[in-house]
N, C-alpha and C. Protein backbone atom coordinates (compact mmCIF):
# COMPACT_ATOMS: atom_id res chain seq x y z
N MET A 1 -38.27 25.50 3.27
CA MET A 1 -38.13 25.55 4.81
C MET A 1 -37.92 26.93 5.21
N MET A 2 -37.22 27.76 4.25
CA MET A 2 -37.18 29.25 4.78
C MET A 2 -38.53 29.90 4.78
N GLY A 3 -39.36 29.62 3.85
CA GLY A 3 -40.62 30.13 3.87
C GLY A 3 -41.60 30.00 4.84
N ASN A 4 -41.36 28.71 5.24
CA ASN A 4 -42.13 28.06 6.26
C ASN A 4 -41.84 28.50 7.70
N ALA A 5 -40.46 28.90 7.86
CA ALA A 5 -40.03 29.63 9.13
C ALA A 5 -40.44 31.27 9.32
N LEU A 6 -40.39 31.99 7.76
CA LEU A 6 -40.81 33.42 8.03
C LEU A 6 -42.46 33.32 8.22
N GLY A 7 -43.02 32.37 7.60
CA GLY A 7 -44.52 32.48 7.95
C GLY A 7 -44.82 32.27 9.26
N PHE A 8 -43.94 31.49 9.99
CA PHE A 8 -44.29 31.00 11.30
C PHE A 8 -44.08 32.53 12.01
N PHE A 9 -42.88 33.11 11.69
CA PHE A 9 -42.42 34.10 12.48
C PHE A 9 -43.48 35.16 12.27
N ARG A 10 -44.03 35.43 10.95
CA ARG A 10 -45.08 36.54 10.92
C ARG A 10 -46.54 36.19 11.87
N LEU A 11 -46.88 35.01 11.53
CA LEU A 11 -48.19 34.77 12.44
C LEU A 11 -47.93 34.81 13.57
N SER A 12 -46.77 34.12 14.36
CA SER A 12 -46.67 34.11 15.99
C SER A 12 -46.10 35.58 16.39
N GLY A 13 -45.75 36.35 15.46
CA GLY A 13 -45.30 37.66 15.89
C GLY A 13 -46.49 38.48 15.90
N ASP A 14 -47.40 38.52 14.93
CA ASP A 14 -48.91 39.10 14.89
C ASP A 14 -49.52 38.69 16.20
N ALA A 15 -49.58 37.41 16.78
CA ALA A 15 -50.47 37.08 17.92
C ALA A 15 -49.89 37.74 18.79
N ARG A 16 -48.48 37.68 19.18
CA ARG A 16 -47.83 38.43 20.24
C ARG A 16 -48.31 40.20 20.39
N SER A 17 -48.15 40.54 19.18
CA SER A 17 -48.68 41.96 19.13
C SER A 17 -50.10 42.09 19.26
N THR A 18 -50.97 41.24 19.06
CA THR A 18 -52.33 41.23 19.43
C THR A 18 -52.41 41.15 20.91
N SER A 19 -51.73 40.10 21.42
CA SER A 19 -51.75 40.06 22.85
C SER A 19 -51.32 41.13 23.77
N ASN A 20 -50.25 41.74 23.35
CA ASN A 20 -49.66 42.98 23.84
C ASN A 20 -50.67 44.23 23.82
N SER A 21 -51.32 44.22 22.82
CA SER A 21 -52.28 45.28 22.63
C SER A 21 -53.47 45.21 23.57
N ILE A 22 -53.95 44.07 23.82
CA ILE A 22 -54.93 43.67 24.46
C ILE A 22 -54.61 44.03 26.07
N ALA A 23 -53.21 43.64 26.26
CA ALA A 23 -52.83 43.90 27.74
C ALA A 23 -52.67 45.64 27.89
N LEU A 24 -52.48 46.43 26.77
CA LEU A 24 -52.19 47.75 26.73
C LEU A 24 -53.40 48.18 26.98
N ALA A 25 -54.53 47.64 26.25
CA ALA A 25 -55.88 48.24 26.60
C ALA A 25 -56.43 48.11 27.91
N LYS A 26 -56.22 46.81 28.67
CA LYS A 26 -56.35 46.71 29.96
C LYS A 26 -55.80 47.93 30.93
N MET A 27 -54.44 47.85 30.57
CA MET A 27 -53.72 48.87 31.63
C MET A 27 -54.34 50.37 31.36
N ARG A 28 -54.35 50.67 29.89
CA ARG A 28 -54.68 52.32 29.82
C ARG A 28 -56.19 52.37 30.23
N ALA A 29 -57.31 51.28 30.30
CA ALA A 29 -58.39 51.47 30.79
C ALA A 29 -58.30 51.96 32.36
N ALA A 30 -57.39 51.11 33.02
CA ALA A 30 -57.15 51.46 34.60
C ALA A 30 -56.46 53.02 34.76
N SER A 31 -55.48 53.15 33.95
CA SER A 31 -54.89 54.40 33.92
C SER A 31 -55.77 55.88 33.90
N VAL A 32 -56.77 55.83 32.77
CA VAL A 32 -57.57 56.80 32.60
C VAL A 32 -58.93 56.59 33.35
N PHE A 33 -59.09 55.60 34.17
CA PHE A 33 -60.27 55.51 34.85
C PHE A 33 -61.59 55.40 34.18
N GLY A 34 -61.52 54.72 32.87
CA GLY A 34 -62.49 54.72 31.93
C GLY A 34 -62.43 53.41 31.07
N ARG A 35 -63.17 53.32 30.04
CA ARG A 35 -63.35 52.26 29.09
C ARG A 35 -62.17 52.50 28.15
N VAL A 36 -61.71 51.42 27.48
CA VAL A 36 -60.71 51.35 26.62
C VAL A 36 -61.04 50.02 25.81
N ARG A 37 -61.07 50.28 24.27
CA ARG A 37 -61.23 48.74 23.56
C ARG A 37 -60.11 48.53 22.54
N LEU A 38 -59.80 47.41 22.24
CA LEU A 38 -58.97 46.97 21.26
C LEU A 38 -60.03 47.05 20.07
N TYR A 39 -59.81 47.43 18.97
CA TYR A 39 -60.92 47.60 17.77
C TYR A 39 -60.08 46.85 16.47
N ALA A 40 -60.85 45.68 16.23
CA ALA A 40 -60.04 45.17 15.28
C ALA A 40 -61.08 45.21 13.83
N ASP A 41 -60.50 45.80 12.86
CA ASP A 41 -61.02 45.79 11.42
C ASP A 41 -60.60 44.42 10.77
N LEU A 42 -61.83 43.40 10.69
CA LEU A 42 -61.54 42.10 10.20
C LEU A 42 -61.40 42.06 8.81
N SER A 43 -61.98 43.14 8.20
CA SER A 43 -61.92 43.14 6.66
C SER A 43 -60.51 43.81 5.96
N THR A 44 -59.82 44.80 7.02
CA THR A 44 -58.51 45.15 6.61
C THR A 44 -57.42 44.61 6.99
N ASN A 45 -57.80 43.68 8.13
CA ASN A 45 -56.65 43.07 9.10
C ASN A 45 -55.89 44.19 9.74
N GLN A 46 -56.60 45.03 10.44
CA GLN A 46 -56.00 46.06 11.06
C GLN A 46 -56.26 46.04 12.66
N PHE A 47 -55.81 46.85 13.37
CA PHE A 47 -56.51 47.14 14.93
C PHE A 47 -55.65 48.05 15.50
N HIS A 48 -56.54 48.77 16.39
CA HIS A 48 -56.04 50.04 17.11
C HIS A 48 -56.84 49.96 18.45
N LEU A 49 -56.34 50.94 19.34
CA LEU A 49 -56.98 51.10 20.43
C LEU A 49 -57.89 52.43 20.39
N GLU A 50 -58.54 52.37 21.19
CA GLU A 50 -59.79 53.63 21.41
C GLU A 50 -60.08 53.76 22.63
N THR A 51 -60.41 55.03 23.27
CA THR A 51 -60.79 55.31 24.60
C THR A 51 -62.06 55.84 24.61
N PHE A 52 -62.92 55.78 25.35
CA PHE A 52 -64.29 56.22 25.68
C PHE A 52 -64.25 57.46 25.97
N ASP A 53 -64.69 58.67 25.47
CA ASP A 53 -64.57 59.94 26.04
C ASP A 53 -66.21 60.13 26.83
N LYS A 54 -66.11 60.26 28.03
CA LYS A 54 -67.30 60.31 28.65
C LYS A 54 -67.90 61.55 28.44
N THR A 55 -67.02 62.97 28.17
CA THR A 55 -67.84 64.01 27.83
C THR A 55 -68.75 64.13 26.79
N THR A 56 -68.12 63.38 25.67
CA THR A 56 -68.88 63.36 24.27
C THR A 56 -69.75 62.07 24.02
N SER A 57 -69.56 61.14 24.88
CA SER A 57 -70.00 59.68 24.50
C SER A 57 -69.53 59.38 23.33
N THR A 58 -68.24 59.37 22.83
CA THR A 58 -67.56 58.63 21.86
C THR A 58 -66.46 57.86 21.93
N TRP A 59 -65.93 56.98 21.13
CA TRP A 59 -65.03 56.34 21.27
C TRP A 59 -63.96 57.05 20.36
N VAL A 60 -62.69 57.20 20.95
CA VAL A 60 -61.63 58.19 20.26
C VAL A 60 -60.45 57.28 19.97
N VAL A 61 -59.97 57.45 18.86
CA VAL A 61 -58.62 56.55 18.26
C VAL A 61 -57.52 57.07 18.96
N GLU A 62 -56.78 56.10 19.57
CA GLU A 62 -55.55 56.51 20.38
C GLU A 62 -54.29 55.78 19.85
N GLY A 63 -53.47 56.67 19.56
CA GLY A 63 -52.22 56.07 19.07
C GLY A 63 -52.30 55.63 17.51
N GLY A 64 -51.54 54.74 17.07
CA GLY A 64 -51.71 54.46 15.60
C GLY A 64 -52.42 52.80 15.51
N THR A 65 -52.45 52.74 14.07
CA THR A 65 -52.95 51.25 13.85
C THR A 65 -52.20 50.46 13.32
N THR A 66 -52.29 49.04 13.81
CA THR A 66 -51.27 48.03 13.57
C THR A 66 -52.03 47.02 12.33
N SER A 67 -51.00 46.92 11.51
CA SER A 67 -51.61 45.86 10.38
C SER A 67 -50.98 44.63 10.45
N LEU A 68 -51.89 43.50 10.38
CA LEU A 68 -51.20 42.27 10.11
C LEU A 68 -50.25 41.94 9.05
N SER A 69 -49.45 41.13 9.40
CA SER A 69 -48.32 40.77 8.43
C SER A 69 -48.87 40.04 7.16
N GLN A 70 -48.15 40.22 6.03
CA GLN A 70 -48.49 39.49 4.66
C GLN A 70 -48.79 38.27 4.83
N ARG A 71 -49.80 37.79 4.28
CA ARG A 71 -50.21 36.54 4.42
C ARG A 71 -51.26 35.95 5.66
N VAL A 72 -51.14 36.92 6.70
CA VAL A 72 -51.86 36.88 8.00
C VAL A 72 -53.15 37.55 8.04
N ARG A 73 -54.30 37.10 8.35
CA ARG A 73 -55.45 37.61 8.60
C ARG A 73 -56.21 37.09 9.66
N PHE A 74 -57.11 38.00 10.17
CA PHE A 74 -58.03 37.39 11.19
C PHE A 74 -59.11 36.51 10.98
N GLY A 75 -59.02 35.37 11.46
CA GLY A 75 -59.87 34.15 11.25
C GLY A 75 -59.51 32.93 11.85
N PHE A 76 -60.24 31.94 11.69
CA PHE A 76 -59.93 30.55 12.25
C PHE A 76 -60.24 29.25 11.39
N ALA A 77 -60.84 29.81 10.29
CA ALA A 77 -61.38 28.28 9.58
C ALA A 77 -60.11 27.67 9.09
N PRO A 78 -60.12 26.29 9.09
CA PRO A 78 -61.14 25.55 9.16
C PRO A 78 -61.39 24.82 10.67
N VAL A 79 -60.85 25.62 11.71
CA VAL A 79 -60.94 24.96 13.18
C VAL A 79 -62.29 25.36 13.44
N GLY A 80 -62.67 24.18 14.39
CA GLY A 80 -64.20 24.20 14.75
C GLY A 80 -64.44 24.36 15.97
N SER A 81 -63.50 24.37 16.88
CA SER A 81 -63.94 24.75 18.17
C SER A 81 -62.80 25.44 18.96
N ALA A 82 -63.15 26.09 20.06
CA ALA A 82 -62.23 27.01 20.80
C ALA A 82 -61.28 26.65 21.80
N PRO A 83 -60.18 27.06 22.20
CA PRO A 83 -59.47 26.59 23.21
C PRO A 83 -59.92 26.22 24.39
N PRO A 84 -59.45 25.21 25.16
CA PRO A 84 -60.34 24.54 26.19
C PRO A 84 -60.33 25.60 27.22
N ASN A 85 -61.55 25.56 28.03
CA ASN A 85 -62.02 26.43 29.26
C ASN A 85 -61.90 27.85 28.71
N THR A 86 -62.32 28.46 27.80
CA THR A 86 -62.22 29.53 27.20
C THR A 86 -63.85 29.77 26.88
N THR A 87 -63.96 29.98 25.73
CA THR A 87 -65.77 30.33 25.31
C THR A 87 -66.05 29.07 24.97
N ALA A 88 -67.44 29.10 24.63
CA ALA A 88 -68.35 27.77 24.43
C ALA A 88 -68.30 27.43 22.91
N ALA A 89 -68.18 28.48 22.15
CA ALA A 89 -68.11 28.20 20.56
C ALA A 89 -66.94 29.39 20.19
N ILE A 90 -66.15 28.76 19.13
CA ILE A 90 -65.24 29.44 18.38
C ILE A 90 -65.52 30.80 17.69
N ASN A 91 -65.32 31.84 18.06
CA ASN A 91 -65.66 33.16 17.42
C ASN A 91 -65.12 34.20 17.53
N GLN A 92 -64.71 35.21 16.83
CA GLN A 92 -64.19 36.48 17.16
C GLN A 92 -64.85 37.21 18.23
N ALA A 93 -64.20 38.14 18.93
CA ALA A 93 -65.03 39.02 19.83
C ALA A 93 -66.17 39.81 19.26
N PRO A 94 -67.08 40.16 20.14
CA PRO A 94 -68.21 40.88 19.46
C PRO A 94 -68.08 41.97 18.71
N THR A 95 -69.04 42.22 17.90
CA THR A 95 -68.93 43.13 16.90
C THR A 95 -68.80 44.61 17.53
N CYS A 96 -67.95 45.43 17.19
CA CYS A 96 -67.93 46.89 17.67
C CYS A 96 -69.09 47.76 17.48
N LYS A 97 -69.35 48.68 18.35
CA LYS A 97 -70.65 49.81 18.18
C LYS A 97 -70.10 51.01 17.94
N SER A 98 -70.95 51.45 16.96
CA SER A 98 -70.52 52.92 16.50
C SER A 98 -71.14 54.03 17.54
N ASN A 99 -70.48 55.26 17.26
CA ASN A 99 -70.90 56.55 18.05
C ASN A 99 -72.00 56.77 18.14
N ALA A 100 -72.89 56.36 17.09
CA ALA A 100 -74.18 57.01 16.84
C ALA A 100 -75.33 56.66 18.06
N VAL A 101 -76.46 57.41 18.19
CA VAL A 101 -77.30 57.32 19.17
C VAL A 101 -78.53 56.60 18.59
N PRO A 102 -79.11 55.37 18.71
CA PRO A 102 -78.45 54.20 19.59
C PRO A 102 -77.08 53.70 18.83
N PRO A 103 -76.30 53.24 19.52
CA PRO A 103 -75.11 52.67 18.93
C PRO A 103 -75.52 51.69 17.92
N ALA A 104 -74.84 51.58 16.85
CA ALA A 104 -75.04 50.52 15.79
C ALA A 104 -73.94 49.57 15.81
N ASP A 105 -74.17 48.33 15.34
CA ASP A 105 -72.88 47.23 14.93
C ASP A 105 -72.20 47.75 13.95
N ILE A 106 -70.76 47.69 13.80
CA ILE A 106 -70.02 48.11 12.60
C ILE A 106 -69.75 46.74 12.07
N ASP A 107 -69.85 46.59 10.92
CA ASP A 107 -69.86 45.22 10.19
C ASP A 107 -68.43 45.07 10.02
N ASN A 108 -67.96 43.89 10.17
CA ASN A 108 -66.59 43.15 9.91
C ASN A 108 -65.52 43.56 10.92
N THR A 109 -66.19 43.84 12.14
CA THR A 109 -65.31 44.28 13.44
C THR A 109 -65.28 43.51 14.49
N ALA A 110 -64.36 43.38 15.16
CA ALA A 110 -64.40 42.87 16.60
C ALA A 110 -63.85 43.66 17.84
N CYS A 111 -64.36 43.71 18.96
CA CYS A 111 -63.90 44.76 20.13
C CYS A 111 -63.66 43.85 21.27
N ILE A 112 -62.75 44.12 21.98
CA ILE A 112 -62.71 43.86 23.34
C ILE A 112 -62.56 45.04 24.21
N ILE A 113 -63.59 45.23 25.05
CA ILE A 113 -63.53 46.37 25.94
C ILE A 113 -63.26 45.97 27.51
N PHE A 114 -62.50 46.75 28.01
CA PHE A 114 -62.20 46.76 29.37
C PHE A 114 -62.69 47.95 30.22
N ASN A 115 -63.17 47.65 31.21
CA ASN A 115 -63.50 48.79 32.22
C ASN A 115 -62.36 49.29 32.98
N SER A 116 -62.55 50.36 33.83
CA SER A 116 -61.36 50.89 34.69
C SER A 116 -60.81 49.92 35.73
N ARG A 117 -61.35 48.76 35.87
CA ARG A 117 -60.82 47.95 36.88
C ARG A 117 -60.18 46.63 36.03
N GLY A 118 -60.24 46.67 34.87
CA GLY A 118 -59.47 45.83 33.87
C GLY A 118 -60.13 44.51 33.79
N THR A 119 -61.80 44.80 33.77
CA THR A 119 -62.67 43.57 33.58
C THR A 119 -63.10 43.71 32.29
N PRO A 120 -63.01 42.53 31.58
CA PRO A 120 -63.51 42.81 30.07
C PRO A 120 -65.08 42.91 30.19
N ILE A 121 -65.64 43.95 29.56
CA ILE A 121 -67.26 44.10 29.66
C ILE A 121 -67.76 44.07 28.00
N ASP A 122 -68.93 43.98 27.86
CA ASP A 122 -69.52 44.13 26.84
C ASP A 122 -69.97 45.77 26.52
N SER A 123 -70.50 45.73 25.26
CA SER A 123 -70.89 47.27 25.01
C SER A 123 -71.92 48.24 25.98
N ASN A 124 -72.60 47.20 26.90
CA ASN A 124 -73.28 47.82 27.83
C ASN A 124 -72.96 48.07 29.03
N GLY A 125 -71.61 47.52 29.43
CA GLY A 125 -70.97 47.59 30.45
C GLY A 125 -70.91 46.59 31.19
N ALA A 126 -71.57 45.20 30.69
CA ALA A 126 -71.65 44.31 31.72
C ALA A 126 -70.39 43.36 31.57
N PRO A 127 -70.04 42.45 32.91
CA PRO A 127 -68.91 41.88 32.39
C PRO A 127 -68.98 40.73 31.67
N ASN A 128 -68.17 40.24 30.92
CA ASN A 128 -68.31 39.06 29.98
C ASN A 128 -67.06 38.52 29.81
N ASN A 129 -66.92 37.29 29.15
CA ASN A 129 -65.41 36.76 28.82
C ASN A 129 -65.84 36.40 27.48
N LEU A 130 -66.19 37.28 26.64
CA LEU A 130 -66.26 36.62 25.15
C LEU A 130 -65.23 37.07 24.35
N GLY A 131 -64.19 37.77 24.78
CA GLY A 131 -63.02 38.32 24.48
C GLY A 131 -61.99 37.15 23.60
N ALA A 132 -62.11 37.32 22.18
CA ALA A 132 -61.07 36.44 21.59
C ALA A 132 -60.93 36.93 20.44
N LEU A 133 -59.66 36.97 19.77
CA LEU A 133 -59.16 37.27 18.69
C LEU A 133 -58.39 36.08 18.04
N TYR A 134 -58.85 35.62 16.86
CA TYR A 134 -58.09 34.61 16.25
C TYR A 134 -57.45 35.09 14.76
N LEU A 135 -56.27 34.53 14.39
CA LEU A 135 -55.38 34.95 13.37
C LEU A 135 -54.84 33.71 12.80
N THR A 136 -54.83 33.67 11.51
CA THR A 136 -54.35 32.49 10.68
C THR A 136 -53.76 33.05 9.40
N ASP A 137 -52.59 31.93 8.89
CA ASP A 137 -52.15 32.16 7.71
C ASP A 137 -52.61 30.92 6.70
N GLY A 138 -53.33 30.24 7.36
CA GLY A 138 -53.98 29.12 6.45
C GLY A 138 -53.17 27.76 6.85
N THR A 139 -52.44 27.93 7.66
CA THR A 139 -51.51 26.66 7.89
C THR A 139 -51.79 26.43 9.69
N ALA A 140 -51.62 27.49 10.35
CA ALA A 140 -51.92 27.32 11.76
C ALA A 140 -52.84 28.29 12.10
N VAL A 141 -53.33 28.48 13.37
CA VAL A 141 -54.33 29.62 13.95
C VAL A 141 -53.95 29.88 15.32
N TYR A 142 -53.76 31.09 15.60
CA TYR A 142 -53.61 31.38 16.91
C TYR A 142 -54.91 32.05 17.34
N GLY A 143 -54.92 32.07 18.65
CA GLY A 143 -56.19 32.57 19.28
C GLY A 143 -55.69 33.37 20.40
N VAL A 144 -55.91 34.43 20.69
CA VAL A 144 -55.81 35.33 22.03
C VAL A 144 -57.10 35.77 22.58
N THR A 145 -57.33 34.80 23.70
CA THR A 145 -58.66 34.93 24.33
C THR A 145 -58.27 35.73 25.84
N VAL A 146 -59.37 36.17 26.19
CA VAL A 146 -59.53 37.09 27.42
C VAL A 146 -60.31 36.39 28.35
N SER A 147 -60.06 35.96 29.54
CA SER A 147 -60.87 35.70 30.48
C SER A 147 -61.83 36.57 31.34
N ALA A 148 -62.53 35.98 32.12
CA ALA A 148 -63.58 36.85 32.79
C ALA A 148 -62.74 37.95 33.67
N THR A 149 -61.50 37.54 33.86
CA THR A 149 -60.79 38.31 35.07
C THR A 149 -59.86 39.11 34.34
N GLY A 150 -59.72 39.23 33.03
CA GLY A 150 -59.22 39.92 32.17
C GLY A 150 -57.66 39.53 31.84
N MET A 151 -57.46 38.35 32.11
CA MET A 151 -56.16 37.74 31.85
C MET A 151 -56.16 37.21 30.22
N ALA A 152 -55.10 37.57 29.48
CA ALA A 152 -54.98 37.26 27.99
C ALA A 152 -54.20 36.23 28.06
N ARG A 153 -54.59 35.21 27.07
CA ARG A 153 -53.63 33.91 26.93
C ARG A 153 -53.76 33.68 25.57
N THR A 154 -52.59 33.15 25.08
CA THR A 154 -52.44 32.90 23.39
C THR A 154 -52.34 31.55 23.44
N TRP A 155 -52.84 31.09 22.49
CA TRP A 155 -53.08 29.35 22.02
C TRP A 155 -52.54 29.41 20.65
N ARG A 156 -52.19 28.06 20.47
CA ARG A 156 -51.90 27.74 18.95
C ARG A 156 -52.34 26.44 18.43
N THR A 157 -53.01 26.27 17.27
CA THR A 157 -53.16 24.77 16.71
C THR A 157 -52.85 24.89 15.14
N VAL A 158 -52.90 23.61 14.69
CA VAL A 158 -52.65 23.48 13.30
C VAL A 158 -54.00 23.84 12.73
N ALA A 159 -54.17 24.11 11.52
CA ALA A 159 -55.39 24.52 10.97
C ALA A 159 -55.96 23.17 10.35
N SER A 160 -56.79 22.70 11.18
CA SER A 160 -57.71 21.66 10.82
C SER A 160 -58.95 21.58 11.52
N ALA A 161 -59.82 20.61 11.12
CA ALA A 161 -61.39 20.39 11.61
C ALA A 161 -61.09 20.06 13.09
N THR A 162 -60.33 19.39 13.60
CA THR A 162 -59.75 18.68 14.90
C THR A 162 -58.86 19.51 15.54
N PRO A 163 -58.95 20.57 16.14
CA PRO A 163 -57.79 21.29 16.61
C PRO A 163 -57.16 20.64 17.69
N ASN A 164 -56.02 20.92 18.05
CA ASN A 164 -55.15 20.39 19.13
C ASN A 164 -54.68 21.84 19.93
N TRP A 165 -55.52 22.49 20.67
CA TRP A 165 -54.89 23.82 21.20
C TRP A 165 -53.83 23.53 22.12
N SER A 166 -52.57 24.42 21.99
CA SER A 166 -51.54 24.55 23.10
C SER A 166 -51.49 25.74 23.45
N PRO A 167 -51.23 26.11 24.73
CA PRO A 167 -50.78 27.54 25.28
C PRO A 167 -49.55 27.84 24.90
N GLU A 168 -49.36 29.09 24.42
CA GLU A 168 -48.05 29.62 23.83
C GLU A 168 -47.43 30.40 24.78
C-alpha cells in the first residue's frame, strides 16, 4: 500500500510540476514580450524553459532542468484517446525545432510554445491548440493540455485502452 501511495505522489507531483512550468512559460513570454517554450526531452524524461533570442534567432535555455521522478516517464500507452474537448488524437506536443537554418526537428522532444500574448503557437508562429504532455508510471496517465486560449488543464486516467479522463 505504501508503494502505491508513493507512486501516486511521484506521478501527480510530476504532473503538477509540468503544469506549473507550462504556466511559467506563458507568463515569461508575456514578461519578455517574446516567445518562450517548454522543451521536453522524451528520451531522458527531463524538461526546461527556453526563450527565443530575437537578435540571434536562437532558443536559449533559461533556468535549470527538471527531471521526472523515478518510474515516471513521458508517455500515454496503452491509453488510446485524448481527454474530452482537447485534441482530436492523443499525442505529445509537436516536436521541438533546432536553431539551425532552416530549423530541423529534434528527435524525441516535445515543445509547447507561447507568444507574448500567452497564446500557444506552432514553430512558425501560427496559433494552435496542439499542446499536450502526457506522463505515466504504467498504472495511471496524467495529461497536461493547453487550450487555444493558453489555459493549461491537468487530467488523469488509469492506464487502460478505454480511458476515463477526469480533470484534476
